[in-house]
Structures are given as C-alpha cells and as structure tokens.
Amino acid sequence: MPSPKTPAQQVIKQTAEEVLNDEAYHLYIKLIDKITQFQLGRGEGPTDDDVAMWRAVQAKRIATSAGPLDTFFYRPDRQ
C-alpha cells in the first residue's frame, strides 16, 4: 500500500503553502495600505470585496497548512 505522503507530495504541498502565504501577504499589504491612505485622508478604505478576498485566502492558507514537515520516509515493513 503506497504512502499518501511521499517526498514528492510533501514538496508539492510545501510549495503550494508558500504560494498561498505569498498571496495572503500581498493581499494583507494592500489592505493595510488602503486603510492607511483612508486614515490619512488620501483615499477610500478597502472595499468589502478586498476584505472578503483576504479572508478567503487566509482561510484556505490555514486549512491547507501542512504543519511540521514529515522527514521520515515510508517503510512498508513498519505501519
């Protein structure tokens, strides 16, 4: 029975996490910038869509978090 967590699958999952973290970070920076500009009287605050998008990315990022990396290789003789 093959392991669902092969080293290749771990790398793919880690890469996907990094992409989601980057996306969440960039959306967060945009939100903070819009809030700051609004507070300084230089623009409008973030729209509901901006906030909803950031929350959706955050939720997906948290839901797909791999936690600590599993550095042990699958061994069929030990289950």
PDB file of N, CA and C in Angstrom:
ATOM      1  N   MET A   1       0.845  -1.183   0.000  1.00  0.00           N
ATOM      2  CA  MET A   1       0.000   0.000   0.000  1.00  0.00           C
ATOM      3  C   MET A   1       0.890   1.246   0.000  1.00  0.00           C
ATOM      4  N   PRO A   2       0.818   2.063  -1.026  1.00  0.00           N
ATOM      5  CA  PRO A   2       1.691   3.239  -1.111  1.00  0.00           C
ATOM      6  C   PRO A   2       1.303   4.302  -0.079  1.00  0.00           C
ATOM      7  N   SER A   3       2.289   5.017   0.354  1.00  0.00           N
ATOM      8  CA  SER A   3       2.068   6.073   1.337  1.00  0.00           C
ATOM      9  C   SER A   3       1.436   7.295   0.674  1.00  0.00           C
ATOM     10  N   PRO A   4       0.486   7.913   1.343  1.00  0.00           N
ATOM     11  CA  PRO A   4      -0.092   9.137   0.783  1.00  0.00           C
ATOM     12  C   PRO A   4       0.845  10.335   0.915  1.00  0.00           C
ATOM     13  N   LYS A   5       1.936  10.182   1.634  1.00  0.00           N
ATOM     14  CA  LYS A   5       2.858  11.299   1.832  1.00  0.00           C
ATOM     15  C   LYS A   5       4.248  10.930   1.338  1.00  0.00           C
ATOM     16  N   THR A   6       4.402  10.863   0.065  1.00  0.00           N
ATOM     17  CA  THR A   6       5.728  10.621  -0.499  1.00  0.00           C
ATOM     18  C   THR A   6       6.525  11.920  -0.422  1.00  0.00           C
ATOM     19  N   PRO A   7       7.842  11.856  -0.529  1.00  0.00           N
ATOM     20  CA  PRO A   7       8.634  13.087  -0.510  1.00  0.00           C
ATOM     21  C   PRO A   7       8.210  14.087  -1.593  1.00  0.00           C
ATOM     22  N   ALA A   8       7.846  13.589  -2.764  1.00  0.00           N
ATOM     23  CA  ALA A   8       7.405  14.492  -3.840  1.00  0.00           C
ATOM     24  C   ALA A   8       6.109  15.198  -3.459  1.00  0.00           C
ATOM     25  N   GLN A   9       5.180  14.468  -2.847  1.00  0.00           N
ATOM     26  CA  GLN A   9       3.922  15.083  -2.425  1.00  0.00           C
ATOM     27  C   GLN A   9       4.172  16.132  -1.350  1.00  0.00           C
ATOM     28  N   GLN A  10       5.131  15.876  -0.467  1.00  0.00           N
ATOM     29  CA  GLN A  10       5.464  16.854   0.567  1.00  0.00           C
ATOM     30  C   GLN A  10       6.013  18.134  -0.050  1.00  0.00           C
ATOM     31  N   VAL A  11       6.865  18.002  -1.049  1.00  0.00           N
ATOM     32  CA  VAL A  11       7.434  19.180  -1.713  1.00  0.00           C
ATOM     33  C   VAL A  11       6.337  19.971  -2.418  1.00  0.00           C
ATOM     34  N   ILE A  12       5.429  19.271  -3.086  1.00  0.00           N
ATOM     35  CA  ILE A  12       4.319  19.942  -3.775  1.00  0.00           C
ATOM     36  C   ILE A  12       3.456  20.692  -2.769  1.00  0.00           C
ATOM     37  N   LYS A  13       3.143  20.055  -1.657  1.00  0.00           N
ATOM     38  CA  LYS A  13       2.305  20.697  -0.644  1.00  0.00           C
ATOM     39  C   LYS A  13       3.017  21.904  -0.039  1.00  0.00           C
ATOM     40  N   GLN A  14       4.304  21.775   0.231  1.00  0.00           N
ATOM     41  CA  GLN A  14       5.060  22.887   0.795  1.00  0.00           C
ATOM     42  C   GLN A  14       5.108  24.060  -0.184  1.00  0.00           C
ATOM     43  N   THR A  15       5.301  23.777  -1.461  1.00  0.00           N
ATOM     44  CA  THR A  15       5.320  24.832  -2.479  1.00  0.00           C
ATOM     45  C   THR A  15       3.965  25.523  -2.562  1.00  0.00           C
ATOM     46  N   ALA A  16       2.891  24.747  -2.521  1.00  0.00           N
ATOM     47  CA  ALA A  16       1.544  25.328  -2.546  1.00  0.00           C
ATOM     48  C   ALA A  16       1.322  26.217  -1.329  1.00  0.00           C
ATOM     49  N   GLU A  17       1.811  25.789  -0.170  1.00  0.00           N
ATOM     50  CA  GLU A  17       1.699  26.610   1.040  1.00  0.00           C
ATOM     51  C   GLU A  17       2.437  27.927   0.878  1.00  0.00           C
ATOM     52  N   GLU A  18       3.630  27.867   0.310  1.00  0.00           N
ATOM     53  CA  GLU A  18       4.411  29.086   0.126  1.00  0.00           C
ATOM     54  C   GLU A  18       3.702  30.053  -0.816  1.00  0.00           C
ATOM     55  N   VAL A  19       3.079  29.531  -1.861  1.00  0.00           N
ATOM     56  CA  VAL A  19       2.330  30.380  -2.795  1.00  0.00           C
ATOM     57  C   VAL A  19       1.152  31.034  -2.076  1.00  0.00           C
ATOM     58  N   LEU A  20       0.421  30.252  -1.285  1.00  0.00           N
ATOM     59  CA  LEU A  20      -0.709  30.812  -0.541  1.00  0.00           C
ATOM     60  C   LEU A  20      -0.239  31.844   0.475  1.00  0.00           C
ATOM     61  N   ASN A  21       0.877  31.585   1.146  1.00  0.00           N
ATOM     62  CA  ASN A  21       1.406  32.554   2.099  1.00  0.00           C
ATOM     63  C   ASN A  21       1.778  33.854   1.400  1.00  0.00           C
ATOM     64  N   ASP A  22       2.416  33.754   0.228  1.00  0.00           N
ATOM     65  CA  ASP A  22       2.776  34.950  -0.534  1.00  0.00           C
ATOM     66  C   ASP A  22       1.534  35.725  -0.954  1.00  0.00           C
ATOM     67  N   GLU A  23       0.526  35.002  -1.444  1.00  0.00           N
ATOM     68  CA  GLU A  23      -0.709  35.657  -1.878  1.00  0.00           C
ATOM     69  C   GLU A  23      -1.392  36.348  -0.702  1.00  0.00           C
ATOM     70  N   ALA A  24      -1.475  35.668   0.430  1.00  0.00           N
ATOM     71  CA  ALA A  24      -2.094  36.255   1.618  1.00  0.00           C
ATOM     72  C   ALA A  24      -1.313  37.486   2.075  1.00  0.00           C
ATOM     73  N   TYR A  25       0.001  37.416   2.028  1.00  0.00           N
ATOM     74  CA  TYR A  25       0.840  38.535   2.436  1.00  0.00           C
ATOM     75  C   TYR A  25       0.610  39.749   1.540  1.00  0.00           C
ATOM     76  N   HIS A  26       0.575  39.532   0.230  1.00  0.00           N
ATOM     77  CA  HIS A  26       0.375  40.654  -0.695  1.00  0.00           C
ATOM     78  C   HIS A  26      -1.012  41.278  -0.526  1.00  0.00           C
ATOM     79  N   LEU A  27      -2.028  40.456  -0.318  1.00  0.00           N
ATOM     80  CA  LEU A  27      -3.367  40.998  -0.081  1.00  0.00           C
ATOM     81  C   LEU A  27      -3.411  41.779   1.231  1.00  0.00           C
ATOM     82  N   TYR A  28      -2.714  41.292   2.245  1.00  0.00           N
ATOM     83  CA  TYR A  28      -2.661  41.975   3.537  1.00  0.00           C
ATOM     84  C   TYR A  28      -1.989  43.338   3.392  1.00  0.00           C
ATOM     85  N   ILE A  29      -0.894  43.385   2.648  1.00  0.00           N
ATOM     86  CA  ILE A  29      -0.192  44.657   2.427  1.00  0.00           C
ATOM     87  C   ILE A  29      -1.112  45.654   1.721  1.00  0.00           C
ATOM     88  N   LYS A  30      -1.870  45.182   0.721  1.00  0.00           N
ATOM     89  CA  LYS A  30      -2.804  46.069   0.014  1.00  0.00           C
ATOM     90  C   LYS A  30      -3.880  46.598   0.958  1.00  0.00           C
ATOM     91  N   LEU A  31      -4.400  45.715   1.832  1.00  0.00           N
ATOM     92  CA  LEU A  31      -5.414  46.156   2.791  1.00  0.00           C
ATOM     93  C   LEU A  31      -4.850  47.210   3.736  1.00  0.00           C
ATOM     94  N   ILE A  32      -3.682  46.956   4.280  1.00  0.00           N
ATOM     95  CA  ILE A  32      -3.061  47.905   5.206  1.00  0.00           C
ATOM     96  C   ILE A  32      -2.800  49.237   4.509  1.00  0.00           C
ATOM     97  N   ASP A  33      -2.354  49.190   3.267  1.00  0.00           N
ATOM     98  CA  ASP A  33      -2.106  50.421   2.514  1.00  0.00           C
ATOM     99  C   ASP A  33      -3.397  51.211   2.315  1.00  0.00           C
ATOM    100  N   LYS A  34      -4.473  50.521   1.934  1.00  0.00           N
ATOM    101  CA  LYS A  34      -5.752  51.214   1.729  1.00  0.00           C
ATOM    102  C   LYS A  34      -6.281  51.802   3.034  1.00  0.00           C
ATOM    103  N   ILE A  35      -6.137  51.062   4.129  1.00  0.00           N
ATOM    104  CA  ILE A  35      -6.590  51.570   5.430  1.00  0.00           C
ATOM    105  C   ILE A  35      -5.770  52.791   5.833  1.00  0.00           C
ATOM    106  N   THR A  36      -4.464  52.719   5.649  1.00  0.00           N
ATOM    107  CA  THR A  36      -3.588  53.841   5.997  1.00  0.00           C
ATOM    108  C   THR A  36      -3.916  55.068   5.157  1.00  0.00           C
ATOM    109  N   GLN A  37      -4.086  54.886   3.846  1.00  0.00           N
ATOM    110  CA  GLN A  37      -4.425  56.016   2.974  1.00  0.00           C
ATOM    111  C   GLN A  37      -5.760  56.644   3.382  1.00  0.00           C
ATOM    112  N   PHE A  38      -6.722  55.803   3.759  1.00  0.00           N
ATOM    113  CA  PHE A  38      -8.027  56.302   4.205  1.00  0.00           C
ATOM    114  C   PHE A  38      -7.874  57.111   5.493  1.00  0.00           C
ATOM    115  N   GLN A  39      -7.092  56.597   6.437  1.00  0.00           N
ATOM    116  CA  GLN A  39      -6.898  57.297   7.709  1.00  0.00           C
ATOM    117  C   GLN A  39      -6.176  58.626   7.521  1.00  0.00           C
ATOM    118  N   LEU A  40      -5.333  58.699   6.505  1.00  0.00           N
ATOM    119  CA  LEU A  40      -4.621  59.944   6.222  1.00  0.00           C
ATOM    120  C   LEU A  40      -5.432  60.888   5.339  1.00  0.00           C
ATOM    121  N   GLY A  41      -6.630  60.472   4.937  1.00  0.00           N
ATOM    122  CA  GLY A  41      -7.486  61.300   4.104  1.00  0.00           C
ATOM    123  C   GLY A  41      -7.067  61.336   2.650  1.00  0.00           C
ATOM    124  N   ARG A  42      -6.350  60.335   2.191  1.00  0.00           N
ATOM    125  CA  ARG A  42      -5.844  60.321   0.816  1.00  0.00           C
ATOM    126  C   ARG A  42      -6.541  59.310  -0.079  1.00  0.00           C
ATOM    127  N   GLY A  43      -7.571  58.705   0.373  1.00  0.00           N
ATOM    128  CA  GLY A  43      -8.241  57.715  -0.469  1.00  0.00           C
ATOM    129  C   GLY A  43      -9.368  57.037   0.282  1.00  0.00           C
ATOM    130  N   GLU A  44      -9.962  56.081  -0.390  1.00  0.00           N
ATOM    131  CA  GLU A  44     -11.048  55.330   0.216  1.00  0.00           C
ATOM    132  C   GLU A  44     -10.488  54.104   0.923  1.00  0.00           C
ATOM    133  N   GLY A  45     -11.241  53.623   1.886  1.00  0.00           N
ATOM    134  CA  GLY A  45     -10.836  52.414   2.601  1.00  0.00           C
ATOM    135  C   GLY A  45     -11.021  51.184   1.734  1.00  0.00           C
ATOM    136  N   PRO A  46     -10.612  50.034   2.238  1.00  0.00           N
ATOM    137  CA  PRO A  46     -10.767  48.799   1.463  1.00  0.00           C
ATOM    138  C   PRO A  46     -12.240  48.464   1.259  1.00  0.00           C
ATOM    139  N   THR A  47     -12.531  47.919   0.109  1.00  0.00           N
ATOM    140  CA  THR A  47     -13.916  47.525  -0.173  1.00  0.00           C
ATOM    141  C   THR A  47     -14.219  46.205   0.523  1.00  0.00           C
ATOM    142  N   ASP A  48     -15.492  45.876   0.582  1.00  0.00           N
ATOM    143  CA  ASP A  48     -15.889  44.591   1.158  1.00  0.00           C
ATOM    144  C   ASP A  48     -15.281  43.437   0.368  1.00  0.00           C
ATOM    145  N   ASP A  49     -15.146  43.624  -0.945  1.00  0.00           N
ATOM    146  CA  ASP A  49     -14.539  42.581  -1.780  1.00  0.00           C
ATOM    147  C   ASP A  49     -13.065  42.365  -1.431  1.00  0.00           C
ATOM    148  N   ASP A  50     -12.348  43.460  -1.155  1.00  0.00           N
ATOM    149  CA  ASP A  50     -10.940  43.334  -0.753  1.00  0.00           C
ATOM    150  C   ASP A  50     -10.809  42.520   0.531  1.00  0.00           C
ATOM    151  N   VAL A  51     -11.646  42.841   1.497  1.00  0.00           N
ATOM    152  CA  VAL A  51     -11.601  42.144   2.785  1.00  0.00           C
ATOM    153  C   VAL A  51     -12.029  40.692   2.621  1.00  0.00           C
ATOM    154  N   ALA A  52     -13.070  40.455   1.829  1.00  0.00           N
ATOM    155  CA  ALA A  52     -13.550  39.086   1.609  1.00  0.00           C
ATOM    156  C   ALA A  52     -12.487  38.236   0.920  1.00  0.00           C
ATOM    157  N   MET A  53     -11.782  38.813  -0.042  1.00  0.00           N
ATOM    158  CA  MET A  53     -10.729  38.071  -0.742  1.00  0.00           C
ATOM    159  C   MET A  53      -9.610  37.707   0.222  1.00  0.00           C
ATOM    160  N   TRP A  54      -9.196  38.662   1.058  1.00  0.00           N
ATOM    161  CA  TRP A  54      -8.138  38.391   2.018  1.00  0.00           C
ATOM    162  C   TRP A  54      -8.567  37.305   3.004  1.00  0.00           C
ATOM    163  N   ARG A  55      -9.799  37.389   3.486  1.00  0.00           N
ATOM    164  CA  ARG A  55     -10.296  36.368   4.422  1.00  0.00           C
ATOM    165  C   ARG A  55     -10.354  34.992   3.769  1.00  0.00           C
ATOM    166  N   ALA A  56     -10.755  34.934   2.509  1.00  0.00           N
ATOM    167  CA  ALA A  56     -10.831  33.648   1.806  1.00  0.00           C
ATOM    168  C   ALA A  56      -9.441  33.034   1.648  1.00  0.00           C
ATOM    169  N   VAL A  57      -8.471  33.864   1.287  1.00  0.00           N
ATOM    170  CA  VAL A  57      -7.106  33.355   1.131  1.00  0.00           C
ATOM    171  C   VAL A  57      -6.550  32.917   2.482  1.00  0.00           C
ATOM    172  N   GLN A  58      -6.831  33.692   3.532  1.00  0.00           N
ATOM    173  CA  GLN A  58      -6.375  33.311   4.869  1.00  0.00           C
ATOM    174  C   GLN A  58      -6.981  31.975   5.285  1.00  0.00           C
ATOM    175  N   ALA A  59      -8.278  31.811   5.054  1.00  0.00           N
ATOM    176  CA  ALA A  59      -8.951  30.567   5.429  1.00  0.00           C
ATOM    177  C   ALA A  59      -8.365  29.380   4.664  1.00  0.00           C
ATOM    178  N   LYS A  60      -8.119  29.576   3.373  1.00  0.00           N
ATOM    179  CA  LYS A  60      -7.543  28.490   2.574  1.00  0.00           C
ATOM    180  C   LYS A  60      -6.119  28.188   3.026  1.00  0.00           C
ATOM    181  N   ARG A  61      -5.358  29.226   3.337  1.00  0.00           N
ATOM    182  CA  ARG A  61      -3.983  29.043   3.804  1.00  0.00           C
ATOM    183  C   ARG A  61      -3.961  28.248   5.106  1.00  0.00           C
ATOM    184  N   ILE A  62      -4.837  28.591   6.019  1.00  0.00           N
ATOM    185  CA  ILE A  62      -4.894  27.891   7.301  1.00  0.00           C
ATOM    186  C   ILE A  62      -5.375  26.456   7.114  1.00  0.00           C
ATOM    187  N   ALA A  63      -6.356  26.255   6.244  1.00  0.00           N
ATOM    188  CA  ALA A  63      -6.910  24.917   6.020  1.00  0.00           C
ATOM    189  C   ALA A  63      -5.908  23.977   5.360  1.00  0.00           C
ATOM    190  N   THR A  64      -5.013  24.514   4.552  1.00  0.00           N
ATOM    191  CA  THR A  64      -4.066  23.655   3.836  1.00  0.00           C
ATOM    192  C   THR A  64      -2.690  23.617   4.487  1.00  0.00           C
ATOM    193  N   SER A  65      -2.583  24.175   5.670  1.00  0.00           N
ATOM    194  CA  SER A  65      -1.296  24.188   6.356  1.00  0.00           C
ATOM    195  C   SER A  65      -0.834  22.766   6.648  1.00  0.00           C
ATOM    196  N   ALA A  66       0.383  22.467   6.252  1.00  0.00           N
ATOM    197  CA  ALA A  66       0.919  21.115   6.430  1.00  0.00           C
ATOM    198  C   ALA A  66       1.438  20.889   7.834  1.00  0.00           C
ATOM    199  N   GLY A  67       1.658  21.940   8.571  1.00  0.00           N
ATOM    200  CA  GLY A  67       2.257  21.780   9.879  1.00  0.00           C
ATOM    201  C   GLY A  67       3.729  21.430   9.728  1.00  0.00           C
ATOM    202  N   PRO A  68       4.277  20.742  10.713  1.00  0.00           N
ATOM    203  CA  PRO A  68       5.691  20.386  10.600  1.00  0.00           C
ATOM    204  C   PRO A  68       5.934  19.393   9.474  1.00  0.00           C
ATOM    205  N   LEU A  69       7.062  19.514   8.827  1.00  0.00           N
ATOM    206  CA  LEU A  69       7.393  18.598   7.738  1.00  0.00           C
ATOM    207  C   LEU A  69       7.671  17.201   8.281  1.00  0.00           C
ATOM    208  N   ASP A  70       7.170  16.218   7.585  1.00  0.00           N
ATOM    209  CA  ASP A  70       7.423  14.828   7.937  1.00  0.00           C
ATOM    210  C   ASP A  70       8.679  14.397   7.191  1.00  0.00           C
ATOM    211  N   THR A  71       9.771  14.247   7.919  1.00  0.00           N
ATOM    212  CA  THR A  71      11.039  13.933   7.266  1.00  0.00           C
ATOM    213  C   THR A  71      11.308  12.436   7.187  1.00  0.00           C
ATOM    214  N   PHE A  72      10.390  11.643   7.690  1.00  0.00           N
ATOM    215  CA  PHE A  72      10.586  10.196   7.664  1.00  0.00           C
ATOM    216  C   PHE A  72      10.024   9.615   6.378  1.00  0.00           C
ATOM    217  N   PHE A  73      10.723   8.668   5.822  1.00  0.00           N
ATOM    218  CA  PHE A  73      10.281   8.028   4.591  1.00  0.00           C
ATOM    219  C   PHE A  73       9.380   6.843   4.910  1.00  0.00           C
ATOM    220  N   TYR A  74       8.485   6.578   4.017  1.00  0.00           N
ATOM    221  CA  TYR A  74       7.556   5.467   4.166  1.00  0.00           C
ATOM    222  C   TYR A  74       8.313   4.151   4.129  1.00  0.00           C
ATOM    223  N   ARG A  75       7.990   3.293   5.077  1.00  0.00           N
ATOM    224  CA  ARG A  75       8.589   1.957   5.099  1.00  0.00           C
ATOM    225  C   ARG A  75       7.461   0.944   5.181  1.00  0.00           C
ATOM    226  N   PRO A  76       7.286   0.136   4.140  1.00  0.00           N
ATOM    227  CA  PRO A  76       6.172  -0.812   4.123  1.00  0.00           C
ATOM    228  C   PRO A  76       6.233  -1.843   5.244  1.00  0.00           C
ATOM    229  N   ASP A  77       7.436  -2.113   5.765  1.00  0.00           N
ATOM    230  CA  ASP A  77       7.541  -3.109   6.824  1.00  0.00           C
ATOM    231  C   ASP A  77       7.134  -2.560   8.192  1.00  0.00           C
ATOM    232  N   ARG A  78       6.941  -1.243   8.276  1.00  0.00           N
ATOM    233  CA  ARG A  78       6.519  -0.622   9.545  1.00  0.00           C
ATOM    234  C   ARG A  78       5.283   0.229   9.297  1.00  0.00           C
ATOM    235  N   GLN A  79       4.223  -0.159   9.949  1.00  0.00           N
ATOM    236  CA  GLN A  79       2.980   0.601   9.757  1.00  0.00           C
ATOM    237  C   GLN A  79       2.416   1.065  11.064  1.00  0.00           C
TER     238      GLN A  79
END
